[in-house]
C-alpha atoms as a PDB file:
ATOM      1  CA  MET A   1      -5.559 -15.449  -0.186  1.00  0.00           C
ATOM      2  CA  PRO A   2      -8.808 -14.158  -1.574  1.00  0.00           C
ATOM      3  CA  PRO A   3      -8.582 -10.968  -3.627  1.00  0.00           C
ATOM      4  CA  ILE A   4      -7.532  -7.961  -1.561  1.00  0.00           C
ATOM      5  CA  LYS A   5      -8.991  -4.478  -1.025  1.00  0.00           C
ATOM      6  CA  GLY A   6      -7.897  -1.450   0.932  1.00  0.00           C
ATOM      7  CA  TYR A   7      -4.716   0.580   1.043  1.00  0.00           C
ATOM      8  CA  ILE A   8      -1.679  -0.400  -1.018  1.00  0.00           C
ATOM      9  CA  THR A   9       1.760   1.061  -1.725  1.00  0.00           C
ATOM     10  CA  GLN A  10       4.780   0.203  -3.843  1.00  0.00           C
ATOM     11  CA  ASP A  11       7.370  -2.393  -2.925  1.00  0.00           C
ATOM     12  CA  LYS A  12      10.245   0.122  -2.946  1.00  0.00           C
ATOM     13  CA  TYR A  13       8.873   1.955   0.096  1.00  0.00           C
ATOM     14  CA  ILE A  14       9.035  -1.085   2.363  1.00  0.00           C
ATOM     15  CA  ARG A  15      11.773  -3.287   0.865  1.00  0.00           C
ATOM     16  CA  GLY A  16      14.837  -3.675   3.074  1.00  0.00           C
ATOM     17  CA  ARG A  17      12.866  -2.537   6.133  1.00  0.00           C
ATOM     18  CA  SER A  18      12.001  -4.376   9.325  1.00  0.00           C
ATOM     19  CA  LEU A  19       8.378  -4.822  10.354  1.00  0.00           C
ATOM     20  CA  LYS A  20       8.907  -2.136  12.979  1.00  0.00           C
ATOM     21  CA  GLU A  21      10.120   0.290  10.290  1.00  0.00           C
ATOM     22  CA  ILE A  22       7.296  -0.690   7.909  1.00  0.00           C
ATOM     23  CA  GLU A  23       4.830  -0.009  10.710  1.00  0.00           C
ATOM     24  CA  SER A  24       6.152   3.565  11.020  1.00  0.00           C
ATOM     25  CA  ILE A  25       6.339   4.212   7.284  1.00  0.00           C
ATOM     26  CA  LEU A  26       2.809   3.036   6.570  1.00  0.00           C
ATOM     27  CA  GLY A  27       1.188   4.519   9.664  1.00  0.00           C
ATOM     28  CA  PHE A  28       0.206   1.465  11.703  1.00  0.00           C
ATOM     29  CA  ASN A  29      -0.160   1.886  15.485  1.00  0.00           C
ATOM     30  CA  SER A  30       3.055   1.141  17.369  1.00  0.00           C
ATOM     31  CA  GLY A  31       3.235  -2.607  18.020  1.00  0.00           C
ATOM     32  CA  ARG A  32       0.581  -3.512  15.444  1.00  0.00           C
ATOM     33  CA  LEU A  33       3.057  -5.531  13.348  1.00  0.00           C
ATOM     34  CA  SER A  34       4.882  -7.007  16.364  1.00  0.00           C
ATOM     35  CA  ALA A  35       3.089 -10.348  15.910  1.00  0.00           C
ATOM     36  CA  GLY A  36       3.941 -10.445  12.213  1.00  0.00           C
ATOM     37  CA  ALA A  37       2.464  -9.538   8.865  1.00  0.00           C
ATOM     38  CA  ALA A  38       2.077 -10.877   5.366  1.00  0.00           C
ATOM     39  CA  VAL A  39       3.074  -8.958   2.264  1.00  0.00           C
ATOM     40  CA  TYR A  40       0.999  -9.547  -0.856  1.00  0.00           C
ATOM     41  CA  ALA A  41       1.761  -8.369  -4.387  1.00  0.00           C
ATOM     42  CA  LEU A  42      -1.005  -7.603  -6.824  1.00  0.00           C
ATOM     43  CA  GLY A  43      -1.184 -10.116  -9.650  1.00  0.00           C
ATOM     44  CA  CYS A  44      -2.294  -7.441 -12.113  1.00  0.00           C
ATOM     45  CA  LEU A  45      -2.562  -3.691 -12.163  1.00  0.00           C
ATOM     46  CA  PRO A  46      -5.926  -2.392 -11.002  1.00  0.00           C
ATOM     47  CA  GLU A  47      -8.157  -0.709 -13.544  1.00  0.00           C
ATOM     48  CA  PRO A  48      -8.896   3.003 -12.983  1.00  0.00           C
ATOM     49  CA  ASP A  49     -12.340   2.205 -11.577  1.00  0.00           C
ATOM     50  CA  GLU A  50     -10.841  -0.229  -9.043  1.00  0.00           C
ATOM     51  CA  PHE A  51      -8.799   2.298  -7.028  1.00  0.00           C
ATOM     52  CA  GLU A  52      -8.781   5.813  -5.625  1.00  0.00           C
ATOM     53  CA  LEU A  53      -5.897   8.252  -5.168  1.00  0.00           C
ATOM     54  CA  ARG A  54      -5.007   8.582  -1.488  1.00  0.00           C
ATOM     55  CA  GLY A  55      -1.842  10.702  -1.305  1.00  0.00           C
ATOM     56  CA  TYR A  56       0.807   9.896   1.315  1.00  0.00           C
ATOM     57  CA  THR A  57       0.786   8.082   4.634  1.00  0.00           C
ATOM     58  CA  TYR A  58       1.770  11.220   6.575  1.00  0.00           C
ATOM     59  CA  LEU A  59      -1.680  12.675   5.899  1.00  0.00           C
ATOM     60  CA  PRO A  60      -4.838  11.184   7.463  1.00  0.00           C
ATOM     61  CA  GLU A  61      -6.347   8.813   4.887  1.00  0.00           C
ATOM     62  CA  GLY A  62      -3.795  10.159   2.435  1.00  0.00           C
ATOM     63  CA  GLY A  63      -5.270  13.652   2.607  1.00  0.00           C
ATOM     64  CA  THR A  64      -6.777  13.286  -0.845  1.00  0.00           C
ATOM     65  CA  VAL A  65     -10.398  14.086  -1.463  1.00  0.00           C
ATOM     66  CA  VAL A  66     -11.536  12.469  -4.678  1.00  0.00           C
ATOM     67  CA  ARG A  67     -12.492  15.138  -7.175  1.00  0.00           C
ATOM     68  CA  LYS A  68     -12.659  15.329 -10.936  1.00  0.00           C
ATOM     69  CA  SER A  69      -9.279  17.092 -10.940  1.00  0.00           C
ATOM     70  CA  VAL A  70      -6.265  17.455  -8.671  1.00  0.00           C
ATOM     71  CA  ASN A  71      -4.228  20.624  -9.181  1.00  0.00           C
ATOM     72  CA  ASP A  72      -5.950  21.083 -12.570  1.00  0.00           C
ATOM     73  CA  LEU A  73      -5.042  17.550 -13.683  1.00  0.00           C
ATOM     74  CA  ASP A  74      -7.787  15.163 -14.636  1.00  0.00           C
ATOM     75  CA  VAL A  75      -8.046  12.283 -12.130  1.00  0.00           C
ATOM     76  CA  ASP A  76      -8.725   9.732 -14.865  1.00  0.00           C
ATOM     77  CA  THR A  77      -5.554  10.852 -16.669  1.00  0.00           C
ATOM     78  CA  LEU A  78      -3.577  10.602 -13.411  1.00  0.00           C
ATOM     79  CA  LYS A  79      -4.879   7.090 -12.816  1.00  0.00           C
ATOM     80  CA  GLU A  80      -3.993   5.958 -16.320  1.00  0.00           C
ATOM     81  CA  THR A  81      -0.510   7.485 -15.989  1.00  0.00           C
ATOM     82  CA  LEU A  82       0.032   5.527 -12.770  1.00  0.00           C
ATOM     83  CA  ARG A  83      -0.959   2.309 -14.536  1.00  0.00           C
ATOM     84  CA  LEU A  84       1.206   2.902 -17.606  1.00  0.00           C
ATOM     85  CA  GLU A  85       4.256   4.706 -16.263  1.00  0.00           C
ATOM     86  CA  VAL A  86       4.610   4.298 -12.499  1.00  0.00           C
ATOM     87  CA  TRP A  87       3.276   0.910 -11.392  1.00  0.00           C
ATOM     88  CA  SER A  88       4.405  -2.598 -12.199  1.00  0.00           C
ATOM     89  CA  THR A  89       3.639  -6.172 -11.188  1.00  0.00           C
ATOM     90  CA  VAL A  90       7.367  -6.925 -10.725  1.00  0.00           C
ATOM     91  CA  GLY A  91      10.360  -5.220  -9.146  1.00  0.00           C
ATOM     92  CA  LEU A  92      10.452  -2.179  -6.925  1.00  0.00           C
ATOM     93  CA  ASN A  93       7.437  -0.508  -8.525  1.00  0.00           C
ATOM     94  CA  ARG A  94       5.073  -3.414  -7.959  1.00  0.00           C
ATOM     95  CA  LEU A  95       2.016  -2.797  -5.844  1.00  0.00           C
ATOM     96  CA  VAL A  96       1.924  -4.463  -2.435  1.00  0.00           C
ATOM     97  CA  LYS A  97      -0.343  -4.702   0.578  1.00  0.00           C
ATOM     98  CA  VAL A  98       0.853  -5.338   4.122  1.00  0.00           C
ATOM     99  CA  VAL A  99      -1.653  -7.395   6.105  1.00  0.00           C
ATOM    100  CA  PRO A 100      -1.025  -7.461   9.888  1.00  0.00           C
ATOM    101  CA  VAL A 101      -1.547 -10.659  11.873  1.00  0.00           C
ATOM    102  CA  GLN A 102      -3.139  -8.535  14.609  1.00  0.00           C
ATOM    103  CA  ASP A 103      -6.292  -6.831  13.435  1.00  0.00           C
ATOM    104  CA  TRP A 104      -6.609  -3.879  15.797  1.00  0.00           C
ATOM    105  CA  GLY A 105      -5.919  -0.208  16.078  1.00  0.00           C
ATOM    106  CA  SER A 106      -6.283   2.891  14.022  1.00  0.00           C
ATOM    107  CA  TYR A 107      -3.875   4.425  11.545  1.00  0.00           C
ATOM    108  CA  PRO A 108      -1.756   7.262  12.909  1.00  0.00           C
ATOM    109  CA  ILE A 109       0.350   9.450  10.657  1.00  0.00           C
ATOM    110  CA  GLY A 110       3.059   7.496   8.832  1.00  0.00           C
ATOM    111  CA  LEU A 111       6.521   8.667   7.794  1.00  0.00           C
ATOM    112  CA  GLY A 112       5.436   8.992   4.190  1.00  0.00           C
ATOM    113  CA  ALA A 113       4.851   6.549   1.366  1.00  0.00           C
ATOM    114  CA  PRO A 114       2.406   6.995  -1.485  1.00  0.00           C
ATOM    115  CA  GLN A 115      -0.779   5.027  -1.091  1.00  0.00           C
ATOM    116  CA  TRP A 116      -3.830   4.154  -3.106  1.00  0.00           C
ATOM    117  CA  GLU A 117      -7.055   2.501  -2.041  1.00  0.00           C
ATOM    118  CA  LEU A 118      -8.364  -0.549  -3.846  1.00  0.00           C
ATOM    119  CA  THR A 119     -12.120  -0.133  -3.926  1.00  0.00           C
ATOM    120  CA  ARG A 120     -12.779  -3.510  -5.529  1.00  0.00           C
ATOM    121  CA  PRO A 121     -11.077  -6.827  -4.809  1.00  0.00           C
ATOM    122  CA  VAL A 122      -7.949  -7.472  -6.885  1.00  0.00           C
ATOM    123  CA  ASP A 123      -6.077 -10.782  -7.149  1.00  0.00           C
ATOM    124  CA  ALA A 124      -2.840 -10.929  -5.183  1.00  0.00           C
ATOM    125  CA  VAL A 125      -0.143 -13.462  -4.345  1.00  0.00           C
ATOM    126  CA  LEU A 126       1.689 -13.961  -1.067  1.00  0.00           C
ATOM    127  CA  VAL A 127       5.228 -12.619  -1.344  1.00  0.00           C
ATOM    128  CA  ARG A 128       6.410 -13.228   2.200  1.00  0.00           C
ATOM    129  CA  ASN A 129       5.254 -13.894   5.733  1.00  0.00           C
ATOM    130  CA  LEU A 130       7.211 -11.925   8.307  1.00  0.00           C
ATOM    131  CA  LEU A 131       6.929 -13.485  11.739  1.00  0.00           C
ATOM    132  CA  HIS A 132       9.049 -11.294  14.003  1.00  0.00           C
ATOM    133  CA  TYR A 133       9.144  -7.548  14.593  1.00  0.00           C
ATOM    134  CA  SER A 134      12.795  -7.484  13.570  1.00  0.00           C
ATOM    135  CA  ASP A 135      12.235  -9.472  10.338  1.00  0.00           C
ATOM    136  CA  VAL A 136      13.330  -7.550   7.253  1.00  0.00           C
ATOM    137  CA  TYR A 137      11.221  -7.620   4.111  1.00  0.00           C
ATOM    138  CA  ASN A 138      13.400  -8.274   1.080  1.00  0.00           C
ATOM    139  CA  GLY A 139      10.723  -8.811  -1.523  1.00  0.00           C
END
């Protein structure tokens, strides 16, 4: 897989869930993951200039407008805190991207998982291909 871009979340929000459940959590159109999906894990943590804060999947595009501060907190400080204290490249806190086999549809409101947007390509490794709607992702 070439380096990935776009929206990512943490492993713990999709682990132990079927593709159908993942679809709802992340805000994919109903049926979008019915033909399968691949889950990729980032090989390294993105640098602060490689991602943007995007809130939660229950808000359109995460509901976050990039500003210099969020609730009086400096965005650069928030990004560095994510890198040092929240994210990982292993375990439940690792960053993952779900890539649908079917490339169609928009993104309705999801049930709620934090998300960030990679603005530059970041190296990733295939964790698992899920081929059936009922397949459960176990990391």
